[in-house]
Protein backbone atom coordinates (compact mmCIF):
# COMPACT_ATOMS: atom_id res chain seq x y z
CA MET A 1 0.87 -7.10 -25.99
CA ALA A 2 2.74 -7.29 -29.27
CA GLN A 3 0.38 -4.67 -30.96
CA TRP A 4 1.40 -1.99 -28.47
CA ASP A 5 4.80 -2.18 -30.09
CA LYS A 6 3.72 -0.30 -32.77
CA ILE A 7 3.71 3.08 -30.61
CA GLU A 8 6.66 4.85 -30.85
CA SER A 9 5.71 7.21 -28.31
CA ARG A 10 6.95 6.24 -24.52
CA GLY A 11 5.71 8.16 -21.59
CA ARG A 12 7.93 8.97 -18.51
CA VAL A 13 7.64 5.98 -16.55
CA GLN A 14 9.43 5.25 -12.91
CA ASP A 15 9.64 1.66 -12.08
CA ARG A 16 9.60 1.16 -8.48
CA ARG A 17 8.26 -2.65 -8.37
CA GLY A 18 9.71 -4.51 -5.24
CA ALA A 19 9.81 -8.37 -4.41
CA GLY A 20 7.88 -9.93 -2.03
CA PRO A 21 4.33 -10.46 -1.22
CA VAL A 22 1.94 -7.67 -1.76
CA ALA A 23 -1.98 -6.93 -0.84
CA GLY A 24 -3.93 -5.11 -3.53
CA GLY A 25 -7.14 -3.22 -3.42
CA ILE A 26 -9.54 -1.45 -5.50
CA GLY A 27 -10.37 2.40 -5.01
CA LEU A 28 -11.34 5.51 -6.88
CA THR A 29 -10.50 4.03 -10.21
CA GLY A 30 -12.33 1.00 -9.31
CA ILE A 31 -15.30 2.85 -8.69
CA ALA A 32 -14.99 4.76 -11.66
CA ILE A 33 -14.77 1.22 -13.87
CA VAL A 34 -17.76 0.31 -12.24
CA LEU A 35 -19.48 3.41 -13.62
CA ALA A 36 -18.22 2.85 -17.09
CA VAL A 37 -19.44 -0.66 -17.05
CA ALA A 38 -23.12 0.45 -15.82
CA TYR A 39 -23.11 2.98 -18.28
CA PHE A 40 -22.02 0.70 -21.46
CA GLY A 41 -22.68 -2.73 -20.50
CA GLY A 42 -25.86 -2.72 -18.34
CA GLY A 43 -26.56 -3.07 -14.56
CA GLU A 44 -26.24 -6.61 -14.30
CA GLN A 45 -22.41 -6.25 -15.25
CA ALA A 46 -21.99 -3.55 -13.19
CA VAL A 47 -23.25 -5.33 -10.18
CA GLN A 48 -20.81 -8.24 -11.04
CA VAL A 49 -17.53 -5.90 -11.09
CA ALA A 50 -18.90 -4.44 -7.85
CA GLU A 51 -18.97 -8.03 -6.19
CA ILE A 52 -15.16 -8.72 -7.53
CA ILE A 53 -14.56 -5.25 -6.19
CA GLN A 54 -16.02 -5.91 -2.72
CA ASP A 55 -14.15 -8.96 -2.75
CA VAL A 56 -10.92 -7.99 -3.18
CA ASN A 57 -10.94 -5.17 -0.81
CA GLN A 58 -12.55 -7.29 2.08
CA GLN A 59 -10.00 -10.03 1.63
CA GLN A 60 -6.96 -7.55 1.53
CA ALA A 61 -8.51 -5.91 4.86
CA ALA A 62 -8.17 -8.98 6.71
CA GLN A 63 -4.64 -9.59 5.26
CA GLY A 64 -3.16 -5.84 5.70
CA THR A 65 -1.71 -3.77 2.99
CA GLY A 66 1.86 -4.50 4.02
CA SER A 67 4.67 -2.09 2.96
CA GLN A 68 6.71 -3.82 0.35
CA GLU A 69 8.37 -0.73 -1.53
CA GLY A 70 11.68 -2.53 -2.58
CA THR A 71 14.31 -0.88 -4.16
CA PRO A 72 13.59 1.26 -7.03
CA TYR A 73 15.05 -0.25 -10.57
CA GLU A 74 14.64 0.04 -14.11
CA GLY A 75 12.73 -3.24 -15.26
CA ASN A 76 12.13 -2.05 -18.83
CA ASP A 77 10.61 -4.99 -19.15
CA ALA A 78 7.36 -6.02 -21.18
CA TYR A 79 4.70 -4.41 -18.94
CA GLU A 80 6.90 -1.42 -18.34
CA GLN A 81 7.10 -0.95 -22.26
CA PHE A 82 3.25 -1.51 -22.34
CA ALA A 83 2.44 1.17 -19.66
CA GLY A 84 5.04 3.67 -21.29
CA ALA A 85 3.37 3.23 -24.85
CA VAL A 86 -0.24 3.80 -23.42
CA LEU A 87 0.99 6.96 -21.49
CA GLY A 88 3.10 8.22 -24.71
CA SER A 89 0.13 7.75 -27.03
CA GLY A 90 -2.03 9.73 -24.34
CA ASN A 91 0.47 12.54 -24.26
CA ASP A 92 0.51 12.71 -27.86
CA LEU A 93 -3.27 13.32 -28.09
CA TRP A 94 -3.19 15.89 -25.39
CA THR A 95 -0.50 17.67 -26.66
CA GLN A 96 -2.27 17.66 -30.04
CA ILE A 97 -5.59 18.59 -28.58
CA LEU A 98 -4.14 21.53 -26.49
CA SER A 99 -1.89 22.82 -29.06
CA GLY A 100 -4.18 25.37 -30.71
CA THR A 101 -4.93 26.79 -27.16
CA THR A 102 -3.08 29.06 -24.39
CA ILE A 103 -2.78 25.95 -22.28
CA ALA A 104 0.38 23.94 -22.36
CA TYR A 105 0.00 20.20 -21.44
CA ARG A 106 2.58 19.02 -19.12
CA GLU A 107 3.34 15.13 -19.54
CA PRO A 108 2.90 13.18 -16.23
CA THR A 109 4.81 10.77 -14.82
CA LEU A 110 3.53 6.93 -14.21
CA VAL A 111 4.83 5.02 -11.09
CA LEU A 112 4.67 1.46 -11.32
CA PHE A 113 4.77 -0.08 -7.83
CA ARG A 114 3.96 -2.97 -5.92
CA GLY A 115 2.80 -2.96 -2.19
CA SER A 116 3.75 0.35 -1.52
CA THR A 117 5.47 3.65 -2.49
CA GLN A 118 5.46 7.51 -1.45
CA SER A 119 3.79 9.87 -3.37
CA GLY A 120 3.59 13.77 -3.18
CA CYS A 121 0.37 13.06 -1.88
CA GLY A 122 1.56 10.91 1.03
CA GLY A 123 1.76 7.03 1.18
CA ALA A 124 0.71 5.21 -1.96
CA SER A 125 -0.75 1.78 -1.18
CA SER A 126 -2.07 -1.20 -3.29
CA ALA A 127 -5.30 -0.54 -0.99
CA ILE A 128 -6.06 2.64 -2.80
CA GLY A 129 -5.81 1.15 -6.38
CA PRO A 130 -4.67 2.96 -9.54
CA HIS A 131 -4.97 6.84 -8.54
CA TYR A 132 -3.44 10.16 -9.61
CA CYS A 133 -1.75 12.80 -7.24
CA PRO A 134 -2.03 16.25 -8.33
CA ILE A 135 0.60 17.73 -6.51
CA ASP A 136 3.43 15.90 -8.23
CA GLU A 137 1.52 15.21 -11.29
CA THR A 138 1.91 11.49 -11.09
CA ILE A 139 0.19 8.47 -11.80
CA TYR A 140 0.47 5.68 -9.26
CA LEU A 141 -0.17 2.22 -10.70
CA ASP A 142 0.49 -1.33 -9.10
CA GLU A 143 0.13 -3.60 -11.54
CA THR A 144 -1.15 -6.56 -9.14
CA PHE A 145 -4.67 -4.14 -9.28
CA PHE A 146 -4.88 -6.59 -12.65
CA ASP A 147 -3.63 -9.94 -11.31
CA GLU A 148 -6.25 -9.77 -8.59
CA LEU A 149 -9.26 -9.40 -10.99
CA LYS A 150 -7.72 -11.54 -13.40
CA ASN A 151 -6.33 -14.52 -11.47
CA ARG A 152 -8.42 -14.58 -8.26
CA PHE A 153 -11.71 -13.88 -9.89
CA GLY A 154 -11.48 -14.60 -13.48
CA ALA A 155 -12.26 -11.20 -15.13
CA ARG A 156 -11.22 -10.76 -18.48
CA GLY A 157 -10.22 -7.38 -19.53
CA GLY A 158 -7.05 -7.81 -21.53
CA ASP A 159 -4.93 -5.11 -22.66
CA VAL A 160 -7.51 -2.46 -23.37
CA ALA A 161 -8.65 -2.60 -20.03
CA GLU A 162 -5.29 -2.20 -18.80
CA ALA A 163 -4.96 0.84 -21.18
CA TYR A 164 -8.14 1.93 -20.08
CA VAL A 165 -7.19 2.39 -16.47
CA ILE A 166 -4.16 4.39 -17.46
CA ALA A 167 -6.07 6.57 -19.88
CA HIS A 168 -8.33 7.41 -16.80
CA GLU A 169 -5.83 8.81 -14.92
CA VAL A 170 -4.59 10.83 -17.47
CA GLY A 171 -7.75 12.36 -17.59
CA HIS A 172 -7.63 13.08 -14.14
CA HIS A 173 -4.21 14.73 -15.10
CA VAL A 174 -5.87 16.73 -18.18
CA GLN A 175 -8.44 17.98 -15.15
CA THR A 176 -5.58 19.48 -13.54
CA VAL A 177 -3.71 21.23 -16.32
CA LEU A 178 -7.06 22.77 -17.24
CA GLY A 179 -7.65 23.58 -13.71
CA ILE A 180 -10.91 21.68 -13.53
CA SER A 181 -9.69 19.86 -10.37
CA ASP A 182 -9.39 23.15 -8.75
CA GLN A 183 -12.66 24.38 -9.53
CA VAL A 184 -14.51 21.14 -8.41
CA ARG A 185 -12.51 21.34 -5.06
CA THR A 186 -13.81 25.15 -4.77
CA ALA A 187 -17.36 23.59 -5.33
CA GLN A 188 -17.15 21.20 -2.99
CA SER A 189 -16.00 23.53 0.10
CA ARG A 190 -18.89 25.82 -0.71
CA ASN A 191 -21.41 23.26 -1.12
CA ARG A 192 -20.66 20.16 1.12
CA ARG A 193 -24.14 18.24 0.22
CA GLN A 194 -22.95 18.41 -3.38
CA ALA A 195 -19.26 17.04 -2.71
CA ASN A 196 -20.16 13.44 -3.56
CA ASP A 197 -22.16 14.27 -6.86
CA LEU A 198 -19.27 16.36 -7.75
CA SER A 199 -16.98 13.81 -7.26
CA ILE A 200 -18.83 11.27 -9.40
CA LYS A 201 -19.00 13.93 -12.27
CA GLN A 202 -14.95 14.19 -12.03
CA GLU A 203 -14.65 10.71 -12.40
CA LEU A 204 -17.20 10.28 -15.15
CA GLN A 205 -15.18 13.12 -17.04
CA ALA A 206 -12.03 11.38 -16.73
CA ASP A 207 -13.68 8.54 -18.15
CA CYS A 208 -14.85 10.45 -21.21
């Protein structure tokens, strides 16, 4: 991850990674990845990724999610620096994009954890996968999400794929800052039959 050292900006990262065995799963971000792969890489690749996600979720459901929150600490290791650099780069970009508008960009926090932790939206566990909580404007990322794909299933994503996941969650934060997330929730409450389609569109917009 040496190339990421060239990014001088650093986002706000809280390191809550604890010790002990954990169980991971893949949630909405995993679904968004499948959609992106299907769009850019073709249906066959999307099916392969979907099968990996299904296998992970089935195995982790059998094992249980656990509750290894651990004691918060400042690891400041290579992965924390990598995540902070990616987040900082995104903050720089969106600050610049919104600088000519009446909307001020608010920098989100990124929490690194293993197993489970608490968020403004309730309990955050590995089973949910990487996700964004609009209540506390924080991204929650269990780094073992990538370990499951790489070590157990041989997926080859690398640094860029991991940066993509963080950028996707920053996209959800931008949707919150711009009021898009509130608009989607209002539209979903008015038309329940379109709720799923609106969620998919929101995920695809975060990909963009």
